Each structure stands twice: as C-alpha cells, then as structure tokens.
Amino acid sequence: MVAFETLRAPVKSWITARTGFAAILKNQNSPQPAKPFCTFKFSSSEDIHEDYIGAPDSLGVATICGNREFQLEVQAFGPGANTALCKLRDSIHLPSVRISLRLSGLVLVDAEPVIDITSLEDDSLVEKANCDLRIRIASSEADTIGAVESVEIAGSLQNIDDSDAVIMSIDLNTISIIP
C-alpha cells in the first residue's frame, strides 16, 4: 500500500525548488498562499504486474513486494505559471532530481505536456498551467501466508527403464533421486 502522506514532503520540496513557487496540497482545507503558487495532488495507485511473494519465515510471514504507479497532478497559478511548470517538467531528466526523488523511493516515469489553462477571474486574466506526471514506487507489506511444516510422500518413482528409483533426501527446495 502506498502511503501518500510520506511522499508529500519530497514532492513538495521538488516542486518548490524547481518552480520557485510555494507548493500546497490541492483541495486542502486552508487559505491559499499569495500568487504565484503551485498545488499538487496524488491519484490513487495502480498495480504494475503481479506482486512478488517472498519465502515465508518459520511463522509463515512473507513479504509481498510490488510496483505501483500513480499520477501526480501539478497546477501553477499566477505570473510565470507556464514557465514554472515547464521548468518542473524538464527537471525530470536531470540526474540530480532523479537521484533525489529515488532516495525517497520515487521513480519518475513520464510527464505529459504542460497545458495552459489561463482563465478570466474578476475581469482579469490569471495565468494557470497544469502538468501530469507518472511516478512509480515500490510497495511492500508483510502478510501471514502460512508455511509447510512437513511433507509426506507415498508411492514409488520409476526410472525410464522401469527400474525403481530411490529417493535419497527430501527438503522443501530440492529432491535428489538415486537410480
């Protein structure tokens, strides 16, 4: 499960550093800062392929790991909004940005073009821009899946030439057979 609250600080720092604008969570219940500023919002995550289920320990607890992808919606408001989001979008190719976000567990996958959404407010145009970015993160969680305590095998094995095969040893990882 992705804990978006742990991702807020590194994403907010990246947006502020690259745009020069204050960054706040979109739809928050507090006053907006003076323009220019950015808002950001995480979409819900989706699974990328099937999760890996690790080997269980002696208590039957295994770590399940998977890749999750989500969309980060960033909007800028005020003078220079389009330029600021272009700078943010272009920064995803910088090694320093990739390393910084990767240390927080985030991997930038792709960015959509910056869209100019300037609108008329109180008889004047307010510059606005929007950019959506795809981001991946690894998610891991422990789960009790059980463990095999013992195995019983009954019957016999036959070699290709119909002679009896003898089982020398059995463990959960390998089976050795002596002809």
Foldseek 3Di string as FASTA:
>chain_A
DDDVVLVVVLVQVLLCVQQVAHEEAPPDDDDDDPPWHKYKYKDDKDFDDAWDWADADPQQKTKTKTKIKIKMKMKTKAPCRLVSVVRSQVCLPPPVSQVSVVVSQKHWDHKDHKAWPWDDDPNDIMTMIMIMTMIMGMDMDMDRPDDDDDDDDDDWDADPVRDTWDWDDDDPPDTDIHD
